[in-house]
C-alpha atoms as a PDB file:
ATOM      1  CA  MET A   1       0.099  -0.174   0.188  1.00  0.00           C
ATOM      2  CA  LEU A   2       2.759   2.455   0.848  1.00  0.00           C
ATOM      3  CA  LYS A   3       4.427   2.024  -2.478  1.00  0.00           C
ATOM      4  CA  GLN A   4       1.497   2.591  -4.376  1.00  0.00           C
ATOM      5  CA  ASP A   5       0.455   5.805  -2.403  1.00  0.00           C
ATOM      6  CA  THR A   6       4.202   6.429  -3.388  1.00  0.00           C
ATOM      7  CA  GLN A   7       4.302   5.987  -7.059  1.00  0.00           C
ATOM      8  CA  SER A   8       0.735   7.971  -7.243  1.00  0.00           C
ATOM      9  CA  GLU A   9       2.000  10.854  -5.402  1.00  0.00           C
ATOM     10  CA  LYS A  10       5.123  10.896  -7.966  1.00  0.00           C
ATOM     11  CA  THR A  11       2.545  10.536 -11.272  1.00  0.00           C
ATOM     12  CA  ASN A  12       0.563  13.509  -9.509  1.00  0.00           C
ATOM     13  CA  ASP A  13       3.641  15.424  -9.346  1.00  0.00           C
ATOM     14  CA  ASN A  14       4.706  14.845 -12.587  1.00  0.00           C
ATOM     15  CA  SER A  15       1.448  15.817 -14.235  1.00  0.00           C
ATOM     16  CA  ALA A  16       1.348  19.070 -11.904  1.00  0.00           C
ATOM     17  CA  GLU A  17       5.077  20.155 -13.263  1.00  0.00           C
ATOM     18  CA  ILE A  18       3.677  19.506 -17.170  1.00  0.00           C
ATOM     19  CA  ASP A  19       0.666  21.525 -16.211  1.00  0.00           C
ATOM     20  CA  GLU A  20       2.875  24.066 -14.550  1.00  0.00           C
ATOM     21  CA  SER A  21       5.466  24.216 -17.799  1.00  0.00           C
ATOM     22  CA  SER A  22       2.375  24.552 -20.027  1.00  0.00           C
ATOM     23  CA  THR A  23       0.859  27.341 -17.974  1.00  0.00           C
ATOM     24  CA  GLU A  24       4.185  29.132 -17.341  1.00  0.00           C
ATOM     25  CA  ASN A  25       5.026  29.791 -21.131  1.00  0.00           C
ATOM     26  CA  PRO A  26       1.398  30.116 -22.873  1.00  0.00           C
ATOM     27  CA  ALA A  27       2.954  32.952 -25.084  1.00  0.00           C
ATOM     28  CA  GLU A  28       5.529  30.715 -26.620  1.00  0.00           C
ATOM     29  CA  ASN A  29       2.890  27.597 -27.232  1.00  0.00           C
ATOM     30  CA  GLN A  30       0.826  30.392 -29.106  1.00  0.00           C
ATOM     31  CA  ALA A  31       3.520  31.615 -31.328  1.00  0.00           C
ATOM     32  CA  GLU A  32       4.528  28.022 -32.012  1.00  0.00           C
ATOM     33  CA  GLN A  33       1.150  27.471 -33.129  1.00  0.00           C
ATOM     34  CA  ASP A  34       0.992  30.707 -35.159  1.00  0.00           C
ATOM     35  CA  VAL A  35       4.302  29.910 -37.131  1.00  0.00           C
ATOM     36  CA  SER A  36       2.971  26.133 -37.774  1.00  0.00           C
ATOM     37  CA  GLY A  37      -0.198  27.761 -38.886  1.00  0.00           C
ATOM     38  CA  GLN A  38       1.540  30.046 -41.392  1.00  0.00           C
ATOM     39  CA  SER A  39       3.792  26.945 -42.848  1.00  0.00           C
ATOM     40  CA  ALA A  40       0.614  24.825 -43.334  1.00  0.00           C
ATOM     41  CA  GLU A  41      -0.823  27.727 -45.177  1.00  0.00           C
ATOM     42  CA  LYS A  42       1.953  28.808 -47.488  1.00  0.00           C
ATOM     43  CA  ASP A  43       2.483  24.834 -48.385  1.00  0.00           C
ATOM     44  CA  ALA A  44      -1.046  24.930 -49.224  1.00  0.00           C
ATOM     45  CA  GLU A  45      -0.759  27.845 -51.249  1.00  0.00           C
ATOM     46  CA  ALA A  46       2.068  26.210 -53.140  1.00  0.00           C
ATOM     47  CA  VAL A  47       0.251  23.216 -53.933  1.00  0.00           C
ATOM     48  CA  GLY A  48      -2.579  25.155 -55.208  1.00  0.00           C
ATOM     49  CA  LYS A  49       0.068  27.283 -57.533  1.00  0.00           C
ATOM     50  CA  VAL A  50       1.572  23.766 -58.892  1.00  0.00           C
ATOM     51  CA  ASP A  51      -1.519  22.266 -59.634  1.00  0.00           C
ATOM     52  CA  LYS A  52      -3.160  25.150 -61.252  1.00  0.00           C
ATOM     53  CA  PRO A  53      -3.325  24.612 -64.645  1.00  0.00           C
ATOM     54  CA  LEU A  54      -2.417  27.461 -66.994  1.00  0.00           C
ATOM     55  CA  THR A  55      -5.182  29.087 -69.157  1.00  0.00           C
ATOM     56  CA  PRO A  56      -4.295  29.281 -73.127  1.00  0.00           C
ATOM     57  CA  GLU A  57      -3.679  32.791 -72.908  1.00  0.00           C
ATOM     58  CA  GLU A  58      -1.229  32.567 -70.137  1.00  0.00           C
ATOM     59  CA  LYS A  59       0.280  29.508 -72.400  1.00  0.00           C
ATOM     60  CA  ILE A  60       0.386  31.409 -75.721  1.00  0.00           C
ATOM     61  CA  ALA A  61       1.854  34.564 -73.541  1.00  0.00           C
ATOM     62  CA  GLU A  62       4.519  32.268 -71.919  1.00  0.00           C
ATOM     63  CA  LEU A  63       5.503  30.456 -75.229  1.00  0.00           C
ATOM     64  CA  GLU A  64       5.934  34.130 -76.935  1.00  0.00           C
ATOM     65  CA  ALA A  65       8.412  35.213 -73.864  1.00  0.00           C
ATOM     66  CA  GLN A  66      10.536  31.933 -74.728  1.00  0.00           C
ATOM     67  CA  LEU A  67      10.401  32.730 -78.298  1.00  0.00           C
ATOM     68  CA  ALA A  68      11.575  36.239 -77.688  1.00  0.00           C
ATOM     69  CA  GLU A  69      14.217  35.304 -75.495  1.00  0.00           C
ATOM     70  CA  THR A  70      15.186  32.766 -78.116  1.00  0.00           C
ATOM     71  CA  ARG A  71      15.335  35.246 -81.055  1.00  0.00           C
ATOM     72  CA  ASP A  72      17.365  37.714 -78.768  1.00  0.00           C
ATOM     73  CA  GLN A  73      20.017  35.209 -78.120  1.00  0.00           C
ATOM     74  CA  LEU A  74      19.976  33.880 -81.834  1.00  0.00           C
ATOM     75  CA  LEU A  75      20.408  37.724 -82.881  1.00  0.00           C
ATOM     76  CA  ARG A  76      23.367  38.170 -80.440  1.00  0.00           C
ATOM     77  CA  LYS A  77      25.110  35.188 -81.598  1.00  0.00           C
ATOM     78  CA  ALA A  78      25.002  36.324 -85.216  1.00  0.00           C
ATOM     79  CA  ALA A  79      26.098  39.666 -84.483  1.00  0.00           C
ATOM     80  CA  ASP A  80      29.278  38.196 -82.544  1.00  0.00           C
ATOM     81  CA  PHE A  81      29.860  35.768 -85.200  1.00  0.00           C
ATOM     82  CA  GLU A  82      29.706  39.129 -87.708  1.00  0.00           C
ATOM     83  CA  ASN A  83      32.266  40.552 -85.859  1.00  0.00           C
ATOM     84  CA  PHE A  84      34.546  37.937 -85.374  1.00  0.00           C
ATOM     85  CA  ARG A  85      34.412  37.583 -89.132  1.00  0.00           C
ATOM     86  CA  LYS A  86      35.114  40.853 -90.077  1.00  0.00           C
ATOM     87  CA  ARG A  87      38.307  40.742 -87.379  1.00  0.00           C
ATOM     88  CA  MET A  88      39.635  37.510 -88.862  1.00  0.00           C
ATOM     89  CA  ASN A  89      39.306  39.250 -92.534  1.00  0.00           C
ATOM     90  CA  GLN A  90      41.002  42.393 -91.183  1.00  0.00           C
ATOM     91  CA  GLU A  91      43.732  40.486 -89.445  1.00  0.00           C
ATOM     92  CA  LYS A  92      44.258  38.230 -92.877  1.00  0.00           C
ATOM     93  CA  GLN A  93      44.557  41.411 -95.229  1.00  0.00           C
ATOM     94  CA  ASN A  94      47.184  42.885 -92.701  1.00  0.00           C
ATOM     95  CA  ALA A  95      49.184  39.603 -92.958  1.00  0.00           C
ATOM     96  CA  ILE A  96      49.081  39.575 -96.537  1.00  0.00           C
ATOM     97  CA  GLU A  97      49.892  43.157 -97.017  1.00  0.00           C
ATOM     98  CA  PHE A  98      52.636  43.328 -94.651  1.00  0.00           C
ATOM     99  CA  ALA A  99      54.172  39.760 -94.802  1.00  0.00           C
ATOM    100  CA  ASN A 100      57.496  40.981 -96.482  1.00  0.00           C
ATOM    101  CA  GLN A 101      57.828  43.884 -93.856  1.00  0.00           C
ATOM    102  CA  SER A 102      60.566  42.069 -92.356  1.00  0.00           C
ATOM    103  CA  LEU A 103      62.480  41.199 -95.790  1.00  0.00           C
ATOM    104  CA  LEU A 104      61.801  44.969 -96.820  1.00  0.00           C
ATOM    105  CA  LEU A 105      63.727  46.302 -93.563  1.00  0.00           C
ATOM    106  CA  ASP A 106      66.676  44.069 -94.184  1.00  0.00           C
ATOM    107  CA  ILE A 107      66.890  45.554 -97.860  1.00  0.00           C
ATOM    108  CA  ILE A 108      66.530  49.085 -97.093  1.00  0.00           C
ATOM    109  CA  PRO A 109      70.026  49.308 -95.596  1.00  0.00           C
ATOM    110  CA  VAL A 110      71.399  47.962 -98.833  1.00  0.00           C
ATOM    111  CA  ILE A 111      69.689  50.366-100.741  1.00  0.00           C
ATOM    112  CA  ASP A 112      71.571  53.132 -98.520  1.00  0.00           C
ATOM    113  CA  ASP A 113      74.523  51.389 -99.313  1.00  0.00           C
ATOM    114  CA  PHE A 114      74.001  51.977-102.873  1.00  0.00           C
ATOM    115  CA  GLU A 115      73.135  55.571-102.632  1.00  0.00           C
ATOM    116  CA  ARG A 116      76.397  56.096-100.545  1.00  0.00           C
ATOM    117  CA  ALA A 117      78.513  54.422-103.026  1.00  0.00           C
ATOM    118  CA  ILE A 118      77.034  56.256-105.921  1.00  0.00           C
ATOM    119  CA  GLN A 119      77.612  59.726-104.072  1.00  0.00           C
ATOM    120  CA  SER A 120      81.240  58.493-103.105  1.00  0.00           C
ATOM    121  CA  GLY A 121      82.195  57.389-106.773  1.00  0.00           C
ATOM    122  CA  GLU A 122      80.813  60.606-108.373  1.00  0.00           C
ATOM    123  CA  LYS A 123      83.124  62.667-105.982  1.00  0.00           C
ATOM    124  CA  ALA A 124      86.070  60.679-105.829  1.00  0.00           C
ATOM    125  CA  GLY A 125      85.976  59.711-109.511  1.00  0.00           C
ATOM    126  CA  ASP A 126      87.545  56.496-108.985  1.00  0.00           C
ATOM    127  CA  LEU A 127      86.194  53.427-111.143  1.00  0.00           C
ATOM    128  CA  ASN A 128      88.051  50.771-109.284  1.00  0.00           C
ATOM    129  CA  ALA A 129      87.071  51.966-105.940  1.00  0.00           C
ATOM    130  CA  PHE A 130      83.382  52.221-107.049  1.00  0.00           C
ATOM    131  CA  ILE A 131      83.548  48.781-108.190  1.00  0.00           C
ATOM    132  CA  GLU A 132      84.833  47.383-105.086  1.00  0.00           C
ATOM    133  CA  GLY A 133      82.217  49.045-103.320  1.00  0.00           C
ATOM    134  CA  ILE A 134      79.411  47.411-105.256  1.00  0.00           C
ATOM    135  CA  LYS A 135      81.039  43.933-104.799  1.00  0.00           C
ATOM    136  CA  MET A 136      80.758  44.803-101.515  1.00  0.00           C
ATOM    137  CA  ILE A 137      77.490  45.725-101.260  1.00  0.00           C
ATOM    138  CA  GLU A 138      76.286  42.558-103.487  1.00  0.00           C
ATOM    139  CA  LYS A 139      78.038  40.205-101.034  1.00  0.00           C
ATOM    140  CA  ARG A 140      76.407  41.533 -98.195  1.00  0.00           C
ATOM    141  CA  LEU A 141      72.996  41.331 -99.570  1.00  0.00           C
ATOM    142  CA  THR A 142      73.313  37.522-100.717  1.00  0.00           C
ATOM    143  CA  SER A 143      74.827  36.854 -97.496  1.00  0.00           C
ATOM    144  CA  GLN A 144      71.989  38.335 -95.459  1.00  0.00           C
ATOM    145  CA  LEU A 145      69.419  36.523 -97.836  1.00  0.00           C
ATOM    146  CA  GLU A 146      70.617  33.269 -97.361  1.00  0.00           C
ATOM    147  CA  SER A 147      71.467  33.546 -93.539  1.00  0.00           C
ATOM    148  CA  LYS A 148      68.096  34.808 -92.799  1.00  0.00           C
ATOM    149  CA  TRP A 149      65.807  34.029 -95.395  1.00  0.00           C
ATOM    150  CA  GLY A 150      67.124  30.855 -96.949  1.00  0.00           C
ATOM    151  CA  LEU A 151      67.665  32.216-100.582  1.00  0.00           C
ATOM    152  CA  LYS A 152      70.674  30.603-101.817  1.00  0.00           C
ATOM    153  CA  ARG A 153      71.975  31.165-105.424  1.00  0.00           C
ATOM    154  CA  PHE A 154      73.404  28.007-106.787  1.00  0.00           C
ATOM    155  CA  ASN A 155      76.071  27.430-109.837  1.00  0.00           C
ATOM    156  CA  SER A 156      75.555  24.754-112.636  1.00  0.00           C
ATOM    157  CA  ALA A 157      78.818  24.997-114.624  1.00  0.00           C
ATOM    158  CA  GLY A 158      79.955  21.306-115.024  1.00  0.00           C
ATOM    159  CA  GLU A 159      76.821  19.867-113.855  1.00  0.00           C
ATOM    160  CA  ASN A 160      74.585  17.398-115.741  1.00  0.00           C
ATOM    161  CA  PHE A 161      71.874  19.300-117.493  1.00  0.00           C
ATOM    162  CA  ASP A 162      68.463  18.803-115.041  1.00  0.00           C
ATOM    163  CA  PRO A 163      65.051  20.565-116.538  1.00  0.00           C
ATOM    164  CA  ASN A 164      63.924  21.178-112.962  1.00  0.00           C
ATOM    165  CA  MET A 165      67.103  23.187-112.346  1.00  0.00           C
ATOM    166  CA  HIS A 166      68.309  24.416-115.804  1.00  0.00           C
ATOM    167  CA  GLU A 167      66.508  26.258-118.691  1.00  0.00           C
ATOM    168  CA  ALA A 168      68.592  25.782-121.762  1.00  0.00           C
ATOM    169  CA  LEU A 169      69.299  28.977-123.682  1.00  0.00           C
ATOM    170  CA  MET A 170      71.961  27.884-125.781  1.00  0.00           C
ATOM    171  CA  VAL A 171      73.158  24.529-127.033  1.00  0.00           C
ATOM    172  CA  GLU A 172      76.493  23.526-128.243  1.00  0.00           C
ATOM    173  CA  LYS A 173      77.642  20.080-129.562  1.00  0.00           C
ATOM    174  CA  SER A 174      80.802  18.844-128.715  1.00  0.00           C
ATOM    175  CA  PRO A 175      82.528  15.410-129.657  1.00  0.00           C
ATOM    176  CA  GLU A 176      83.794  15.153-126.031  1.00  0.00           C
ATOM    177  CA  ALA A 177      80.420  15.219-124.320  1.00  0.00           C
ATOM    178  CA  THR A 178      78.833  11.856-123.458  1.00  0.00           C
ATOM    179  CA  GLU A 179      75.496  13.594-121.861  1.00  0.00           C
ATOM    180  CA  ALA A 180      74.014  16.784-121.652  1.00  0.00           C
ATOM    181  CA  VAL A 181      76.274  19.335-119.467  1.00  0.00           C
ATOM    182  CA  VAL A 182      75.841  22.584-118.472  1.00  0.00           C
ATOM    183  CA  LYS A 183      78.904  24.665-119.990  1.00  0.00           C
ATOM    184  CA  GLU A 184      78.283  28.114-118.288  1.00  0.00           C
ATOM    185  CA  ASP A 185      75.952  29.848-116.260  1.00  0.00           C
ATOM    186  CA  LEU A 186      74.081  32.668-118.249  1.00  0.00           C
ATOM    187  CA  ILE A 187      71.881  33.333-115.310  1.00  0.00           C
ATOM    188  CA  ARG A 188      72.217  31.894-112.126  1.00  0.00           C
ATOM    189  CA  GLY A 189      69.687  30.297-110.251  1.00  0.00           C
ATOM    190  CA  TYR A 190      68.188  30.617-106.876  1.00  0.00           C
ATOM    191  CA  LEU A 191      66.799  28.035-104.260  1.00  0.00           C
ATOM    192  CA  LEU A 192      64.316  29.033-101.305  1.00  0.00           C
ATOM    193  CA  LYS A 193      65.207  26.150 -98.829  1.00  0.00           C
ATOM    194  CA  ASP A 194      66.169  23.514-101.216  1.00  0.00           C
ATOM    195  CA  ARG A 195      62.986  24.611-103.657  1.00  0.00           C
ATOM    196  CA  VAL A 196      63.811  25.902-107.161  1.00  0.00           C
ATOM    197  CA  ILE A 197      62.233  29.320-107.329  1.00  0.00           C
ATOM    198  CA  ARG A 198      64.211  30.273-110.613  1.00  0.00           C
ATOM    199  CA  PRO A 199      65.867  28.016-112.756  1.00  0.00           C
ATOM    200  CA  ALA A 200      69.423  28.646-113.841  1.00  0.00           C
ATOM    201  CA  LYS A 201      69.428  30.082-117.363  1.00  0.00           C
ATOM    202  CA  VAL A 202      72.361  28.272-118.970  1.00  0.00           C
ATOM    203  CA  LYS A 203      74.549  27.147-122.085  1.00  0.00           C
ATOM    204  CA  VAL A 204      74.430  23.234-122.624  1.00  0.00           C
ATOM    205  CA  LEU A 205      76.686  20.997-124.141  1.00  0.00           C
ATOM    206  CA  MET A 206      75.538  18.162-126.175  1.00  0.00           C
ATOM    207  CA  PRO A 207      76.948  14.934-127.384  1.00  0.00           C
ATOM    208  CA  GLU A 208      76.913  14.937-131.417  1.00  0.00           C
ATOM    209  CA  ALA A 209      75.211  11.363-131.454  1.00  0.00           C
ATOM    210  CA  ALA A 210      72.353  12.744-129.430  1.00  0.00           C
ATOM    211  CA  PRO A 211      70.029  13.695-132.084  1.00  0.00           C
ATOM    212  CA  GLN A 212      70.458  10.230-134.085  1.00  0.00           C
ATOM    213  CA  ALA A 213      69.853   8.717-130.553  1.00  0.00           C
ATOM    214  CA  ALA A 214      66.674  10.714-130.337  1.00  0.00           C
ATOM    215  CA  ALA A 215      65.633   9.998-133.694  1.00  0.00           C
ATOM    216  CA  SER A 216      66.155   6.365-133.707  1.00  0.00           C
ATOM    217  CA  ALA A 217      64.224   6.260-130.504  1.00  0.00           C
ATOM    218  CA  ALA A 218      61.443   8.140-132.209  1.00  0.00           C
ATOM    219  CA  SER A 219      61.311   5.922-135.300  1.00  0.00           C
ATOM    220  CA  GLU A 220      60.975   2.613-132.806  1.00  0.00           C
END
């Protein structure tokens, strides 16, 4: 009996404490209820908005807005591409127009040397000194073109005739020649980095039997 009375008293005490705690903070409890109520209302409004179907007019307005935005983006892209195309064309044109600028800057000092050589020859009247000056300028120019630009002048005298490198301006028959050989450079040829950009104009020695051999080959 004592135990039961003790337990009942503890239960009553706990109930009293709960009642006291609930009665002590009535404002806090009311605030919590208000917040929960507002959240529920907002959730209900959101659900109502999602579930509510759009009217045909609203759908048309939404599609028109999307179409206008897409059209604006396409116009911007087209304008950007046109500006890019114009800029690339301008850069390409500038590259073509000024491609030889570095080469010309190397040639200008040579022109200055020619002017000084001519002035010096006119004043001194020494033809030999003038010729030596011209030789020095020619050597400087060819050396610079070869070392910096890969332009090389080649000699053909004594070489076998090669139609890829030589252009025969004169032909001379020789009993000593066994095949076509370049006898003399009339105008020397030039290579640009191992590519023939101007064949040499040459005088060629031909064997005397070459025409007969060619005639017999043609008859066969």
